[in-house]
Amino acid sequence: MTALVTLSSLAVGSRAVVREFPRQGVAFLRLREMGLLPGTAVTLVRTAPLGDPIEIKIRGYNLTLRKSEADHVIVEAPP
C-alpha cells in the first residue's frame, strides 16, 4: 500500500507521484506553469543544508521549490 505524504517530507533520492497541490493562490499558478500537476512523477534530488529549498526532478528538468511550497504538495510515495 502506498502512503500519501508531503513533497517536503520525502527522503533524498525518493520517487513519488503528485496527487494534490494548492488549488488557489500564487503558488497554485506557479506550480501549474512549471508542470507540477496531479499524476506527474517526481524525484527528490537534494535539499539545501538547512532543508530549504529543495530540488526535484520533474518532466526531464530540475526544479527548485521553497520548503513552504513543497509542504502543500501531496504525493504518493511507494513503500
N, C-alpha and C. Protein backbone atom coordinates (compact mmCIF):
# COMPACT_ATOMS: atom_id res chain seq x y z
N MET A 1 0.84 -1.18 0.00
CA MET A 1 0.00 0.00 0.00
C MET A 1 0.89 1.25 0.00
N THR A 2 0.49 2.27 -0.74
CA THR A 2 1.28 3.49 -0.83
C THR A 2 0.80 4.51 0.19
N ALA A 3 1.70 5.38 0.55
CA ALA A 3 1.39 6.40 1.56
C ALA A 3 1.32 7.78 0.92
N LEU A 4 0.38 8.60 1.39
CA LEU A 4 0.30 9.99 0.95
C LEU A 4 1.08 10.84 1.95
N VAL A 5 2.07 11.57 1.44
CA VAL A 5 2.92 12.42 2.27
C VAL A 5 3.13 13.74 1.54
N THR A 6 3.73 14.69 2.22
CA THR A 6 4.05 15.95 1.56
C THR A 6 5.35 15.81 0.78
N LEU A 7 5.47 16.59 -0.25
CA LEU A 7 6.68 16.56 -1.08
C LEU A 7 7.91 16.90 -0.25
N SER A 8 7.77 17.80 0.70
CA SER A 8 8.91 18.22 1.52
C SER A 8 9.38 17.14 2.48
N SER A 9 8.56 16.12 2.73
CA SER A 9 8.95 15.08 3.69
C SER A 9 9.62 13.87 3.04
N LEU A 10 9.77 13.88 1.72
CA LEU A 10 10.45 12.77 1.04
C LEU A 10 11.93 12.75 1.38
N ALA A 11 12.52 11.58 1.33
CA ALA A 11 13.96 11.44 1.51
C ALA A 11 14.66 11.69 0.17
N VAL A 12 15.88 12.15 0.22
CA VAL A 12 16.65 12.40 -1.00
C VAL A 12 16.74 11.11 -1.81
N GLY A 13 16.47 11.20 -3.10
CA GLY A 13 16.50 10.05 -3.99
C GLY A 13 15.16 9.35 -4.13
N SER A 14 14.19 9.73 -3.31
CA SER A 14 12.87 9.09 -3.37
C SER A 14 12.08 9.55 -4.58
N ARG A 15 11.29 8.63 -5.10
CA ARG A 15 10.39 8.93 -6.22
C ARG A 15 8.97 8.90 -5.72
N ALA A 16 8.13 9.72 -6.32
CA ALA A 16 6.72 9.78 -5.92
C ALA A 16 5.91 10.33 -7.08
N VAL A 17 4.58 10.26 -6.93
CA VAL A 17 3.66 10.79 -7.92
C VAL A 17 2.80 11.86 -7.25
N VAL A 18 2.69 13.01 -7.88
CA VAL A 18 1.89 14.10 -7.34
C VAL A 18 0.42 13.71 -7.34
N ARG A 19 -0.26 13.92 -6.22
CA ARG A 19 -1.69 13.63 -6.11
C ARG A 19 -2.52 14.89 -5.91
N GLU A 20 -2.04 15.83 -5.10
CA GLU A 20 -2.78 17.08 -4.84
C GLU A 20 -1.80 18.22 -4.64
N PHE A 21 -2.27 19.43 -4.93
CA PHE A 21 -1.49 20.62 -4.64
C PHE A 21 -2.45 21.77 -4.45
N PRO A 22 -1.98 22.93 -3.98
CA PRO A 22 -2.90 24.03 -3.68
C PRO A 22 -3.78 24.40 -4.86
N ARG A 23 -5.04 24.63 -4.60
CA ARG A 23 -5.99 24.98 -5.66
C ARG A 23 -6.17 26.48 -5.84
N GLN A 24 -5.54 27.27 -4.99
CA GLN A 24 -5.69 28.72 -5.11
C GLN A 24 -4.42 29.41 -4.67
N GLY A 25 -4.32 30.66 -5.00
CA GLY A 25 -3.16 31.45 -4.60
C GLY A 25 -2.08 31.47 -5.66
N VAL A 26 -1.06 32.23 -5.37
CA VAL A 26 0.06 32.40 -6.30
C VAL A 26 0.80 31.09 -6.51
N ALA A 27 0.97 30.32 -5.45
CA ALA A 27 1.71 29.06 -5.55
C ALA A 27 1.02 28.11 -6.54
N PHE A 28 -0.30 28.08 -6.54
CA PHE A 28 -1.05 27.19 -7.44
C PHE A 28 -0.69 27.49 -8.89
N LEU A 29 -0.76 28.74 -9.28
CA LEU A 29 -0.49 29.12 -10.66
C LEU A 29 0.97 28.84 -11.01
N ARG A 30 1.88 29.18 -10.13
CA ARG A 30 3.31 28.97 -10.38
C ARG A 30 3.63 27.48 -10.56
N LEU A 31 3.08 26.64 -9.70
CA LEU A 31 3.34 25.20 -9.79
C LEU A 31 2.76 24.61 -11.07
N ARG A 32 1.57 25.03 -11.43
CA ARG A 32 0.96 24.54 -12.68
C ARG A 32 1.78 24.93 -13.89
N GLU A 33 2.23 26.17 -13.93
CA GLU A 33 3.03 26.65 -15.06
C GLU A 33 4.34 25.88 -15.21
N MET A 34 4.86 25.38 -14.10
CA MET A 34 6.12 24.63 -14.14
C MET A 34 5.91 23.14 -14.38
N GLY A 35 4.67 22.71 -14.58
CA GLY A 35 4.39 21.32 -14.93
C GLY A 35 4.12 20.40 -13.76
N LEU A 36 3.98 20.94 -12.57
CA LEU A 36 3.70 20.11 -11.39
C LEU A 36 2.19 19.91 -11.30
N LEU A 37 1.71 18.84 -11.92
CA LEU A 37 0.29 18.53 -11.99
C LEU A 37 0.01 17.16 -11.39
N PRO A 38 -1.23 16.91 -10.96
CA PRO A 38 -1.56 15.57 -10.45
C PRO A 38 -1.22 14.50 -11.48
N GLY A 39 -0.61 13.42 -11.02
CA GLY A 39 -0.22 12.33 -11.89
C GLY A 39 1.21 12.42 -12.39
N THR A 40 1.89 13.53 -12.11
CA THR A 40 3.26 13.73 -12.56
C THR A 40 4.25 13.06 -11.61
N ALA A 41 5.19 12.32 -12.17
CA ALA A 41 6.23 11.67 -11.36
C ALA A 41 7.32 12.67 -11.01
N VAL A 42 7.79 12.62 -9.77
CA VAL A 42 8.87 13.50 -9.31
C VAL A 42 9.90 12.68 -8.54
N THR A 43 11.12 13.17 -8.53
CA THR A 43 12.19 12.58 -7.73
C THR A 43 12.84 13.70 -6.94
N LEU A 44 13.02 13.48 -5.63
CA LEU A 44 13.71 14.48 -4.81
C LEU A 44 15.20 14.31 -5.03
N VAL A 45 15.82 15.31 -5.63
CA VAL A 45 17.24 15.25 -5.99
C VAL A 45 18.11 15.60 -4.79
N ARG A 46 17.83 16.74 -4.15
CA ARG A 46 18.62 17.16 -2.99
C ARG A 46 17.91 18.28 -2.25
N THR A 47 18.38 18.49 -1.03
CA THR A 47 17.90 19.61 -0.22
C THR A 47 19.09 20.47 0.16
N ALA A 48 18.84 21.73 0.42
CA ALA A 48 19.90 22.62 0.88
C ALA A 48 20.33 22.18 2.28
N PRO A 49 21.49 22.60 2.73
CA PRO A 49 21.99 22.17 4.05
C PRO A 49 21.02 22.40 5.20
N LEU A 50 20.26 23.47 5.17
CA LEU A 50 19.30 23.74 6.24
C LEU A 50 17.89 23.25 5.90
N GLY A 51 17.76 22.52 4.77
CA GLY A 51 16.48 21.94 4.41
C GLY A 51 15.61 22.81 3.53
N ASP A 52 16.04 24.00 3.17
CA ASP A 52 15.23 24.89 2.35
C ASP A 52 16.15 25.67 1.44
N PRO A 53 16.00 25.61 0.13
CA PRO A 53 14.96 24.98 -0.67
C PRO A 53 15.26 23.51 -0.96
N ILE A 54 14.34 22.89 -1.72
CA ILE A 54 14.55 21.52 -2.16
C ILE A 54 14.59 21.50 -3.69
N GLU A 55 15.28 20.53 -4.23
CA GLU A 55 15.37 20.39 -5.69
C GLU A 55 14.73 19.08 -6.10
N ILE A 56 13.82 19.15 -7.06
CA ILE A 56 13.16 17.95 -7.57
C ILE A 56 13.41 17.82 -9.06
N LYS A 57 13.34 16.59 -9.56
CA LYS A 57 13.41 16.34 -11.00
C LYS A 57 12.00 16.03 -11.45
N ILE A 58 11.54 16.79 -12.43
CA ILE A 58 10.18 16.66 -12.93
C ILE A 58 10.18 16.89 -14.43
N ARG A 59 9.55 16.00 -15.17
CA ARG A 59 9.42 16.13 -16.62
C ARG A 59 10.75 16.41 -17.34
N GLY A 60 11.83 15.81 -16.83
CA GLY A 60 13.12 15.93 -17.51
C GLY A 60 13.95 17.14 -17.14
N TYR A 61 13.52 17.94 -16.19
CA TYR A 61 14.34 19.07 -15.76
C TYR A 61 14.32 19.18 -14.24
N ASN A 62 15.28 19.91 -13.69
CA ASN A 62 15.36 20.09 -12.25
C ASN A 62 14.66 21.39 -11.87
N LEU A 63 13.90 21.33 -10.80
CA LEU A 63 13.11 22.46 -10.32
C LEU A 63 13.39 22.66 -8.85
N THR A 64 13.62 23.88 -8.45
CA THR A 64 13.85 24.19 -7.05
C THR A 64 12.61 24.85 -6.47
N LEU A 65 12.15 24.34 -5.32
CA LEU A 65 10.97 24.87 -4.64
C LEU A 65 11.31 25.25 -3.21
N ARG A 66 10.63 26.26 -2.72
CA ARG A 66 10.73 26.58 -1.30
C ARG A 66 10.08 25.45 -0.51
N LYS A 67 10.59 25.20 0.68
CA LYS A 67 10.01 24.17 1.52
C LYS A 67 8.56 24.50 1.84
N SER A 68 8.24 25.77 2.02
CA SER A 68 6.86 26.18 2.33
C SER A 68 5.91 25.85 1.18
N GLU A 69 6.39 25.87 -0.05
CA GLU A 69 5.56 25.48 -1.19
C GLU A 69 5.42 23.96 -1.25
N ALA A 70 6.53 23.26 -1.03
CA ALA A 70 6.52 21.80 -1.08
C ALA A 70 5.67 21.19 0.04
N ASP A 71 5.48 21.93 1.13
CA ASP A 71 4.65 21.45 2.23
C ASP A 71 3.19 21.27 1.82
N HIS A 72 2.76 21.96 0.76
CA HIS A 72 1.36 21.91 0.33
C HIS A 72 1.12 20.95 -0.82
N VAL A 73 2.18 20.31 -1.30
CA VAL A 73 2.06 19.35 -2.41
C VAL A 73 2.01 17.96 -1.80
N ILE A 74 0.90 17.24 -2.06
CA ILE A 74 0.72 15.88 -1.55
C ILE A 74 1.14 14.90 -2.65
N VAL A 75 2.01 13.97 -2.27
CA VAL A 75 2.50 12.98 -3.23
C VAL A 75 2.21 11.57 -2.70
N GLU A 76 2.18 10.63 -3.61
CA GLU A 76 2.01 9.23 -3.28
C GLU A 76 3.35 8.56 -3.41
N ALA A 77 3.91 8.13 -2.30
CA ALA A 77 5.23 7.52 -2.29
C ALA A 77 5.09 6.01 -2.11
N PRO A 78 5.79 5.23 -2.93
CA PRO A 78 5.75 3.77 -2.75
C PRO A 78 6.39 3.39 -1.43
N PRO A 79 5.99 2.27 -0.86
CA PRO A 79 6.55 1.84 0.44
C PRO A 79 8.02 1.49 0.38
